[in-house]
Amino acid sequence: MTIKRSRRSIYSFSQRIVLAVLIAGAVASCSTVEKWVRTPDDPPLEGKRVAVLTHSRSLIPDKELTGRRIVLPAPTPNTAWPQAGGYANHAMHHIQIKDSLQRAWSSDIGDGADDEDRLNATPVVAAGMVFAMDTASQVSAFDAATGKRLWAQELEPEDDDDGHIGGGLAYDDGRVFVTTGFAEVIALEAKTGKVLWRENVVAPMRAAPTVRGGRVFVVTLNNQLFALNSKTGKTIWRHRGLPEVASVLGGASPAVDRGVVVVAYTSGELIALKVENGRVLWQDALVTASRTDVISSLSGIRGRPVIDRDRVIAISNAGILVAIELRTGRRIWDRQVVGIESPWVAGNYIFLLTTDSEIVAISRADGRIHWVRGLPRFEDPEDLEDPIIWTGPILASDRLIVAGSNEEALAISPYNGRILGVVGMPDAVTVAPVVADGSVYFLADDAKLIAYR
């Protein structure tokens, strides 16, 4: 099937997430040229064929929407991916890349994932550089054109060698901001890696920082939101949420737009505050009593909330997907969908991965489902062993790109969920890919950072 690029397009995604095992990773290299979209005249794609496992769907498309054409804005280029989720509001819409992707380079960022340590930070791209953090909290900068390492900075304190899972990275105004598992927020000079300031925030962090308007917003494991001065690291204000004993591995970076910061806590709270002074504007709780399985009892929100055109889109592990008015906190709609990956909003549609390994296309207007596509759930489907963790998605030039712990990346039609192609990967991929300046970057569990363009 030929995928025609219209003035609009759509994206969809699903994800099987096994709660206790959220390892971070990304794709490593494969062969020379990778076509992520096939045309009828193309030869068969190299690599192992993907058999989509048929299973009982947790979600069913709305009959009234069956066959209705999905239309989204045409893809547009983005020069940078400066923080987790792309921009501070986490709304990246439809990104432009080439139809055929070729591996440009591959570099080692340091220590990879193992049974004890997990990669948690997605790379960020800005000012012609790619920044990445390994499992030992070493931050490295690479030339985006060649992959050459420009500098590396070890951030782990000398008296702290017990191992920990870090938060993530963000870039703004010539500085790289780092949240760590040893309760420090650190600012580095982007060109050299020089430490500019370090600020202790009492508790470890597993969510990347969000930076906007001279403020760095960070969330700790004990559900506190700090707003720090980006120049000095000093606390401007803080907010305390409800404590939570257990949570899903990882965390949700706050979303910031229009003078409002929306923070998601591991308690399932979703709270909007004024950027200026931290005053609470509204709060909601994304929890439901209808699910009784052990995993759903962890009500945390791991997927980043998205602020898009005066709406907040958020999903929780407890099984609630919501659209909320940014200013008033009024729920526009909600529906029972379970996920811990970030929703992707493009045009009038929302695409997300569920914990049942399903990719779903949902109407932004009313929450109705356009289509659902199941993905393989186990590497060994006969014995139902080795669950696959899917990560992503990103919407880039008329295809959805997701990657998995089964060492594969998939291209999926944003119009109907059809799988367009599969590319074999040399290691597990559990950190979502990022896109900047026409390049797609993957970070694999073996600590390989790979650029395709």
Protein backbone atom coordinates (compact mmCIF):
# COMPACT_ATOMS: atom_id res chain seq x y z
CA MET A 1 0.00 0.00 0.00
CA THR A 2 1.31 3.40 -0.91
CA ILE A 3 1.12 5.89 1.88
CA LYS A 4 0.30 9.24 0.35
CA ARG A 5 1.45 12.30 2.15
CA SER A 6 -1.52 14.56 2.51
CA ARG A 7 -1.69 17.99 3.96
CA ARG A 8 -2.60 16.14 7.10
CA SER A 9 -1.66 12.84 8.62
CA ILE A 10 -2.01 10.74 11.76
CA TYR A 11 -0.11 8.80 14.25
CA SER A 12 -0.83 5.96 16.63
CA PHE A 13 0.91 3.93 19.19
CA SER A 14 0.60 1.18 21.85
CA GLN A 15 2.79 -0.30 24.37
CA ARG A 16 3.01 -3.37 26.46
CA ILE A 17 4.50 -2.29 29.76
CA VAL A 18 5.48 -4.74 32.43
CA LEU A 19 5.51 -2.60 35.52
CA ALA A 20 8.47 -3.92 37.42
CA VAL A 21 10.68 -3.89 34.34
CA LEU A 22 10.85 -0.45 32.84
CA ILE A 23 14.32 -0.46 31.43
CA ALA A 24 15.51 2.34 29.28
CA GLY A 25 17.03 1.66 25.95
CA ALA A 26 17.05 2.47 22.33
CA VAL A 27 17.92 1.18 19.02
CA ALA A 28 21.36 0.25 17.88
CA SER A 29 22.64 0.08 14.39
CA CYS A 30 21.48 -2.09 11.59
CA SER A 31 22.14 -2.21 7.87
CA THR A 32 22.88 0.69 5.61
CA VAL A 33 19.58 2.09 4.35
CA GLU A 34 16.38 1.54 6.28
CA LYS A 35 13.04 2.22 4.58
CA TRP A 36 10.42 2.95 7.16
CA VAL A 37 7.63 3.21 4.58
CA ARG A 38 7.10 0.70 1.78
CA THR A 39 5.62 1.23 -1.65
CA PRO A 40 4.23 -1.60 -3.84
CA ASP A 41 7.41 -1.63 -5.98
CA ASP A 42 9.81 -1.90 -3.06
CA PRO A 43 11.59 -5.22 -2.44
CA PRO A 44 10.68 -6.99 0.80
CA LEU A 45 12.20 -5.40 3.88
CA GLU A 46 15.21 -7.13 5.35
CA GLY A 47 14.96 -8.69 8.76
CA LYS A 48 12.53 -10.88 10.62
CA ARG A 49 8.84 -10.57 9.76
CA VAL A 50 6.57 -9.32 12.52
CA ALA A 51 3.62 -11.54 13.35
CA VAL A 52 1.03 -9.48 15.15
CA LEU A 53 -0.26 -11.60 17.99
CA THR A 54 -4.01 -11.84 18.01
CA HIS A 55 -5.37 -11.29 21.48
CA SER A 56 -8.45 -10.06 23.18
CA ARG A 57 -8.64 -6.33 22.81
CA SER A 58 -9.16 -4.18 25.83
CA LEU A 59 -10.38 -1.35 23.59
CA ILE A 60 -12.87 -1.41 20.73
CA PRO A 61 -13.11 1.21 17.94
CA ASP A 62 -16.26 3.30 17.75
CA LYS A 63 -18.49 1.90 14.98
CA GLU A 64 -19.50 5.36 13.86
CA LEU A 65 -15.85 6.17 13.16
CA THR A 66 -15.09 3.02 11.18
CA GLY A 67 -13.72 3.96 7.79
CA ARG A 68 -13.67 7.66 8.55
CA ARG A 69 -10.58 9.30 7.11
CA ILE A 70 -7.99 10.53 9.57
CA VAL A 71 -6.44 13.86 8.58
CA LEU A 72 -3.63 15.75 10.33
CA PRO A 73 -1.41 18.72 9.56
CA ALA A 74 1.42 18.15 7.10
CA PRO A 75 4.80 17.29 8.66
CA THR A 76 7.00 20.23 9.58
CA PRO A 77 10.72 20.32 10.43
CA ASN A 78 12.01 20.82 13.96
CA THR A 79 15.57 21.99 14.51
CA ALA A 80 15.91 20.70 18.07
CA TRP A 81 14.58 18.33 20.72
CA PRO A 82 15.77 20.29 23.76
CA GLN A 83 14.04 18.34 26.54
CA ALA A 84 12.06 15.21 27.29
CA GLY A 85 8.91 15.31 25.20
CA GLY A 86 10.49 17.74 22.74
CA TYR A 87 9.35 21.18 23.86
CA ALA A 88 8.20 22.31 27.30
CA ASN A 89 4.52 21.70 26.47
CA HIS A 90 5.30 18.20 25.09
CA ALA A 91 3.22 18.83 21.96
CA MET A 92 5.35 17.97 18.91
CA HIS A 93 2.54 17.21 16.42
CA HIS A 94 3.86 15.92 13.06
CA ILE A 95 7.62 16.05 12.46
CA GLN A 96 9.30 16.00 9.05
CA ILE A 97 12.02 13.51 8.14
CA LYS A 98 13.06 11.74 4.93
CA ASP A 99 11.11 8.74 3.65
CA SER A 100 14.27 6.61 3.59
CA LEU A 101 16.53 6.62 6.62
CA GLN A 102 20.21 5.73 6.55
CA ARG A 103 22.31 5.14 9.61
CA ALA A 104 24.63 8.12 9.91
CA TRP A 105 26.69 7.23 12.98
CA SER A 106 26.81 5.30 16.24
CA SER A 107 28.59 6.30 19.47
CA ASP A 108 29.03 4.81 22.94
CA ILE A 109 27.68 6.98 25.78
CA GLY A 110 29.24 4.97 28.64
CA ASP A 111 27.66 2.38 30.94
CA GLY A 112 24.62 0.52 29.65
CA ALA A 113 21.69 -1.19 31.36
CA ASP A 114 21.85 -4.45 33.28
CA ASP A 115 19.80 -6.31 35.89
CA GLU A 116 20.42 -3.61 38.49
CA ASP A 117 20.85 -0.37 36.55
CA ARG A 118 18.45 1.04 33.98
CA LEU A 119 18.81 3.71 31.37
CA ASN A 120 16.10 6.24 32.07
CA ALA A 121 17.00 9.47 30.27
CA THR A 122 16.08 10.15 26.67
CA PRO A 123 18.69 12.06 24.65
CA VAL A 124 18.16 15.76 23.96
CA VAL A 125 19.31 17.63 20.87
CA ALA A 126 20.13 21.33 20.62
CA ALA A 127 22.78 23.75 19.31
CA GLY A 128 24.20 21.14 16.93
CA MET A 129 24.86 18.68 19.77
CA VAL A 130 23.27 15.54 21.20
CA PHE A 131 23.38 15.08 24.98
CA ALA A 132 22.92 11.72 26.70
CA MET A 133 23.26 10.29 30.22
CA ASP A 134 24.35 6.72 31.03
CA THR A 135 23.47 4.52 34.00
CA ALA A 136 26.37 5.90 36.07
CA SER A 137 25.11 9.49 35.70
CA GLN A 138 27.82 10.43 33.22
CA VAL A 139 26.59 13.09 30.80
CA SER A 140 28.19 13.27 27.36
CA ALA A 141 27.88 15.64 24.42
CA PHE A 142 28.24 14.52 20.82
CA ASP A 143 28.50 16.39 17.55
CA ALA A 144 25.09 15.93 15.89
CA ALA A 145 26.64 15.78 12.41
CA THR A 146 29.39 13.23 13.02
CA GLY A 147 28.70 11.56 16.39
CA LYS A 148 32.12 12.61 17.73
CA ARG A 149 32.21 12.90 21.51
CA LEU A 150 32.84 16.51 22.50
CA TRP A 151 33.01 16.09 26.26
CA ALA A 152 31.94 13.86 29.15
CA GLN A 153 31.17 14.86 32.73
CA GLU A 154 30.85 12.38 35.61
CA LEU A 155 28.25 13.66 38.08
CA GLU A 156 27.99 10.88 40.64
CA PRO A 157 29.27 12.03 44.06
CA GLU A 158 32.48 10.38 45.23
CA ASP A 159 30.79 9.07 48.37
CA ASP A 160 27.82 7.60 46.47
CA ASP A 161 28.67 4.40 44.61
CA ASP A 162 25.65 2.25 45.47
CA GLY A 163 23.99 2.74 42.09
CA HIS A 164 20.82 4.62 41.30
CA ILE A 165 18.47 5.49 38.48
CA GLY A 166 18.78 9.06 37.28
CA GLY A 167 16.15 11.46 36.01
CA GLY A 168 17.03 13.09 32.73
CA LEU A 169 18.23 16.06 30.75
CA ALA A 170 17.02 19.37 29.36
CA TYR A 171 18.73 22.14 27.37
CA ASP A 172 18.06 25.86 27.49
CA ASP A 173 20.08 29.00 26.76
CA GLY A 174 23.47 27.31 26.47
CA ARG A 175 23.04 25.11 29.53
CA VAL A 176 22.26 21.44 30.12
CA PHE A 177 20.17 20.72 33.21
CA VAL A 178 20.38 17.28 34.84
CA THR A 179 18.12 15.63 37.42
CA THR A 180 19.77 12.79 39.31
CA GLY A 181 19.04 9.82 41.51
CA PHE A 182 21.21 11.28 44.27
CA ALA A 183 18.86 14.24 44.87
CA GLU A 184 20.82 16.88 43.00
CA VAL A 185 19.86 19.15 40.12
CA ILE A 186 22.96 20.15 38.16
CA ALA A 187 23.56 22.79 35.48
CA LEU A 188 26.35 22.24 32.95
CA GLU A 189 27.81 24.55 30.35
CA ALA A 190 26.66 23.00 27.07
CA LYS A 191 29.86 23.72 25.11
CA THR A 192 32.31 22.35 27.67
CA GLY A 193 30.44 20.25 30.26
CA LYS A 194 31.68 22.52 33.07
CA VAL A 195 29.53 22.34 36.22
CA LEU A 196 27.89 25.73 36.76
CA TRP A 197 25.84 24.91 39.85
CA ARG A 198 24.52 21.98 41.92
CA GLU A 199 21.40 22.17 44.06
CA ASN A 200 20.17 19.55 46.51
CA VAL A 201 16.40 19.01 46.49
CA VAL A 202 16.22 16.49 49.37
CA ALA A 203 14.87 13.50 47.39
CA PRO A 204 15.99 11.57 44.28
CA MET A 205 14.46 12.24 40.87
CA ARG A 206 13.49 9.89 38.05
CA ALA A 207 11.82 12.41 35.76
CA ALA A 208 13.67 14.74 33.43
CA PRO A 209 13.53 18.47 34.16
CA THR A 210 11.41 20.91 32.18
CA VAL A 211 12.86 24.34 31.44
CA ARG A 212 11.06 27.47 30.35
CA GLY A 213 11.29 31.20 30.99
CA GLY A 214 14.34 31.07 33.25
CA ARG A 215 12.86 28.38 35.50
CA VAL A 216 13.79 24.72 35.87
CA PHE A 217 10.90 22.52 37.04
CA VAL A 218 11.82 19.20 38.69
CA VAL A 219 9.75 16.49 40.39
CA THR A 220 11.15 14.32 43.20
CA LEU A 221 10.26 10.76 44.16
CA ASN A 222 8.44 11.98 47.27
CA ASN A 223 6.11 14.07 45.08
CA GLN A 224 7.51 17.55 45.43
CA LEU A 225 7.71 20.02 42.56
CA PHE A 226 10.56 22.54 42.69
CA ALA A 227 10.82 25.65 40.54
CA LEU A 228 14.50 26.65 40.42
CA ASN A 229 16.20 29.71 38.97
CA SER A 230 18.00 28.46 35.85
CA LYS A 231 20.94 30.85 36.36
CA THR A 232 21.62 30.19 40.04
CA GLY A 233 19.80 26.97 40.96
CA LYS A 234 18.08 28.66 43.90
CA THR A 235 14.55 27.55 44.76
CA ILE A 236 11.87 30.05 43.71
CA TRP A 237 8.95 28.03 45.07
CA ARG A 238 7.93 24.45 45.76
CA HIS A 239 4.74 22.41 45.90
CA ARG A 240 4.10 19.22 47.87
CA GLY A 241 1.83 16.49 46.58
CA LEU A 242 0.51 13.43 48.38
CA PRO A 243 3.23 10.89 49.21
CA GLU A 244 3.16 7.48 47.55
CA VAL A 245 5.04 4.42 48.81
CA ALA A 246 5.33 2.53 45.51
CA SER A 247 5.29 3.73 41.92
CA VAL A 248 6.07 2.78 38.35
CA LEU A 249 9.74 3.09 37.47
CA GLY A 250 10.45 6.45 35.88
CA GLY A 251 8.55 9.69 36.15
CA ALA A 252 6.65 12.35 34.23
CA SER A 253 8.30 15.66 33.41
CA PRO A 254 6.03 18.65 34.06
CA ALA A 255 4.41 20.37 31.09
CA VAL A 256 4.71 24.15 30.87
CA ASP A 257 2.82 26.57 28.63
CA ARG A 258 0.84 29.83 28.80
CA GLY A 259 2.09 30.64 32.29
CA VAL A 260 0.90 27.31 33.72
CA VAL A 261 2.90 24.28 34.85
CA VAL A 262 1.07 20.93 34.98
CA VAL A 263 2.68 18.33 37.22
CA ALA A 264 1.83 14.63 37.45
CA TYR A 265 2.61 12.82 40.70
CA THR A 266 3.02 9.12 41.46
CA SER A 267 -0.14 9.35 43.60
CA GLY A 268 -2.21 9.87 40.44
CA GLU A 269 -2.66 13.57 41.15
CA LEU A 270 -2.61 15.97 38.22
CA ILE A 271 -2.14 19.55 39.38
CA ALA A 272 -1.92 22.88 37.52
CA LEU A 273 0.00 25.76 39.12
CA LYS A 274 0.94 29.29 38.16
CA VAL A 275 4.50 29.41 36.85
CA GLU A 276 5.11 32.71 38.60
CA ASN A 277 4.44 31.73 42.20
CA GLY A 278 3.27 28.09 42.39
CA ARG A 279 -0.32 28.95 43.28
CA VAL A 280 -2.61 26.00 42.59
CA LEU A 281 -5.12 26.65 39.81
CA TRP A 282 -6.83 23.26 39.85
CA GLN A 283 -6.20 19.62 40.61
CA ASP A 284 -7.56 16.27 39.48
CA ALA A 285 -6.98 12.62 40.34
CA LEU A 286 -6.55 10.09 37.54
CA VAL A 287 -7.68 7.03 39.46
CA THR A 288 -10.45 4.51 39.03
CA ALA A 289 -11.96 1.85 41.25
CA SER A 290 -12.93 -0.43 38.36
CA ARG A 291 -9.55 -2.16 38.01
CA THR A 292 -8.38 -4.58 40.67
CA ASP A 293 -5.18 -6.12 39.24
CA VAL A 294 -1.94 -5.60 41.15
CA ILE A 295 -0.27 -3.42 38.52
CA SER A 296 -3.18 -1.01 38.24
CA SER A 297 -3.10 -0.49 42.00
CA LEU A 298 -0.10 1.72 41.35
CA SER A 299 -1.99 4.85 40.39
CA GLY A 300 0.99 6.88 39.26
CA ILE A 301 1.24 8.96 36.11
CA ARG A 302 4.45 8.14 34.25
CA GLY A 303 3.51 9.44 30.83
CA ARG A 304 4.24 13.13 30.43
CA PRO A 305 1.12 15.34 30.37
CA VAL A 306 0.69 17.33 27.17
CA ILE A 307 -0.52 20.93 26.93
CA ASP A 308 -2.01 21.46 23.49
CA ARG A 309 -4.14 24.43 22.49
CA ASP A 310 -5.48 25.17 25.97
CA ARG A 311 -6.08 21.51 26.78
CA VAL A 312 -4.21 19.11 29.00
CA ILE A 313 -4.04 15.50 27.83
CA ALA A 314 -2.87 12.97 30.41
CA ILE A 315 -3.04 9.23 31.09
CA SER A 316 -2.42 7.19 34.24
CA ASN A 317 -1.44 3.63 35.05
CA ALA A 318 -4.66 3.38 37.05
CA GLY A 319 -6.64 3.48 33.81
CA ILE A 320 -7.82 7.02 33.09
CA LEU A 321 -7.20 9.12 29.97
CA VAL A 322 -8.44 12.70 30.26
CA ALA A 323 -8.76 15.94 28.35
CA ILE A 324 -8.93 18.94 30.70
CA GLU A 325 -9.32 22.68 30.15
CA LEU A 326 -5.99 24.27 31.00
CA ARG A 327 -7.37 27.36 32.73
CA THR A 328 -10.32 25.96 34.64
CA GLY A 329 -9.51 22.30 35.25
CA ARG A 330 -12.88 21.21 33.83
CA ARG A 331 -12.83 17.69 32.41
CA ILE A 332 -13.87 17.84 28.78
CA TRP A 333 -13.98 14.05 28.55
CA ASP A 334 -12.42 10.96 30.07
CA ARG A 335 -12.31 7.30 29.24
CA GLN A 336 -10.82 4.13 30.68
CA VAL A 337 -7.48 3.57 28.97
CA VAL A 338 -4.39 2.28 30.76
CA GLY A 339 -0.93 3.49 29.84
CA ILE A 340 2.36 4.73 31.21
CA GLU A 341 3.84 6.12 28.01
CA SER A 342 3.31 9.72 26.99
CA PRO A 343 0.34 10.53 24.74
CA TRP A 344 1.19 12.03 21.35
CA VAL A 345 -1.15 14.77 20.15
CA ALA A 346 -1.32 15.78 16.47
CA GLY A 347 -4.11 17.81 14.96
CA ASN A 348 -7.44 16.46 16.14
CA TYR A 349 -6.09 13.11 17.29
CA ILE A 350 -4.29 11.49 20.19
CA PHE A 351 -2.10 8.43 19.76
CA LEU A 352 -0.93 6.26 22.60
CA LEU A 353 0.43 2.90 23.66
CA THR A 354 -1.57 0.96 26.22
CA THR A 355 -0.32 -1.56 28.73
CA ASP A 356 -2.07 -4.25 26.69
CA SER A 357 0.36 -3.75 23.77
CA GLU A 358 -2.15 -1.86 21.69
CA ILE A 359 -1.71 1.23 19.57
CA VAL A 360 -4.78 3.44 19.70
CA ALA A 361 -5.97 6.43 17.68
CA ILE A 362 -8.36 8.57 19.71
CA SER A 363 -10.34 11.68 18.86
CA ARG A 364 -9.00 14.74 20.66
CA ALA A 365 -12.49 16.27 20.60
CA ASP A 366 -14.45 13.60 22.47
CA GLY A 367 -12.20 10.64 23.30
CA ARG A 368 -13.81 8.22 20.85
CA ILE A 369 -11.59 5.51 19.37
CA HIS A 370 -10.88 5.48 15.63
CA TRP A 371 -8.81 2.30 15.46
CA VAL A 372 -6.87 -0.13 17.64
CA ARG A 373 -3.94 -2.27 16.52
CA GLY A 374 -2.39 -5.03 18.62
CA LEU A 375 1.37 -5.46 18.72
CA PRO A 376 3.34 -8.59 19.59
CA ARG A 377 3.20 -9.07 23.34
CA PHE A 378 5.79 -11.79 23.94
CA GLU A 379 9.08 -12.74 22.35
CA ASP A 380 7.96 -16.34 22.89
CA PRO A 381 4.24 -16.21 22.00
CA GLU A 382 3.77 -19.97 22.30
CA ASP A 383 4.81 -20.14 25.95
CA LEU A 384 3.80 -16.53 26.69
CA GLU A 385 7.29 -15.74 27.94
CA ASP A 386 9.54 -12.66 27.74
CA PRO A 387 7.01 -9.81 27.59
CA ILE A 388 7.88 -7.09 25.08
CA ILE A 389 8.12 -3.51 26.31
CA TRP A 390 7.16 -1.08 23.54
CA THR A 391 8.24 2.53 23.70
CA GLY A 392 7.35 5.66 21.79
CA PRO A 393 5.76 6.63 19.66
CA ILE A 394 6.89 9.49 17.50
CA LEU A 395 4.97 10.74 14.46
CA ALA A 396 7.37 11.50 11.65
CA SER A 397 6.51 11.99 7.96
CA ASP A 398 3.41 9.84 7.76
CA ARG A 399 4.52 6.97 9.96
CA LEU A 400 4.62 6.15 13.62
CA ILE A 401 7.92 4.86 14.93
CA VAL A 402 7.94 2.63 18.01
CA ALA A 403 10.74 0.51 19.39
CA GLY A 404 10.76 -2.54 21.60
CA SER A 405 12.71 -4.61 24.08
CA ASN A 406 12.63 -7.37 21.46
CA GLU A 407 15.37 -5.54 19.52
CA GLU A 408 13.04 -4.27 16.82
CA ALA A 409 11.68 -0.95 15.67
CA LEU A 410 8.39 -0.72 13.78
CA ALA A 411 6.95 1.75 11.31
CA ILE A 412 3.17 1.94 11.54
CA SER A 413 0.61 3.67 9.36
CA PRO A 414 -0.94 6.62 11.15
CA TYR A 415 -4.11 6.19 9.10
CA ASN A 416 -5.15 2.68 10.11
CA GLY A 417 -2.46 1.16 12.35
CA ARG A 418 -1.12 -1.14 9.66
CA ILE A 419 2.49 -2.23 10.22
CA LEU A 420 4.55 -0.87 7.32
CA GLY A 421 8.00 -2.18 8.15
CA VAL A 422 10.29 -3.63 10.77
CA VAL A 423 13.98 -3.04 11.39
CA GLY A 424 16.07 -5.39 13.48
CA MET A 425 18.05 -3.84 16.33
CA PRO A 426 21.17 -5.21 18.01
CA ASP A 427 19.85 -4.60 21.53
CA ALA A 428 16.70 -3.84 23.48
CA VAL A 429 15.06 -0.47 22.92
CA THR A 430 13.03 0.87 25.82
CA VAL A 431 13.73 4.60 25.69
CA ALA A 432 11.61 6.40 23.12
CA PRO A 433 13.42 7.76 20.05
CA VAL A 434 13.74 11.49 19.45
CA VAL A 435 13.81 13.55 16.26
CA ALA A 436 15.66 16.76 15.44
CA ASP A 437 16.80 18.45 12.24
CA GLY A 438 15.70 15.51 10.09
CA SER A 439 17.54 12.89 12.18
CA VAL A 440 16.06 10.13 14.33
CA TYR A 441 18.10 9.20 17.41
CA PHE A 442 17.89 5.94 19.34
CA LEU A 443 19.53 5.00 22.63
CA ALA A 444 20.00 1.26 23.17
CA ASP A 445 20.40 -0.64 26.42
CA ASP A 446 24.01 -1.38 25.49
CA ALA A 447 24.64 2.39 25.69
CA LYS A 448 24.86 2.87 21.94
CA LEU A 449 23.52 6.17 20.62
CA ILE A 450 22.57 5.85 16.95
CA ALA A 451 21.57 8.53 14.46
CA TYR A 452 19.53 7.86 11.32
CA ARG A 453 18.94 10.47 8.67
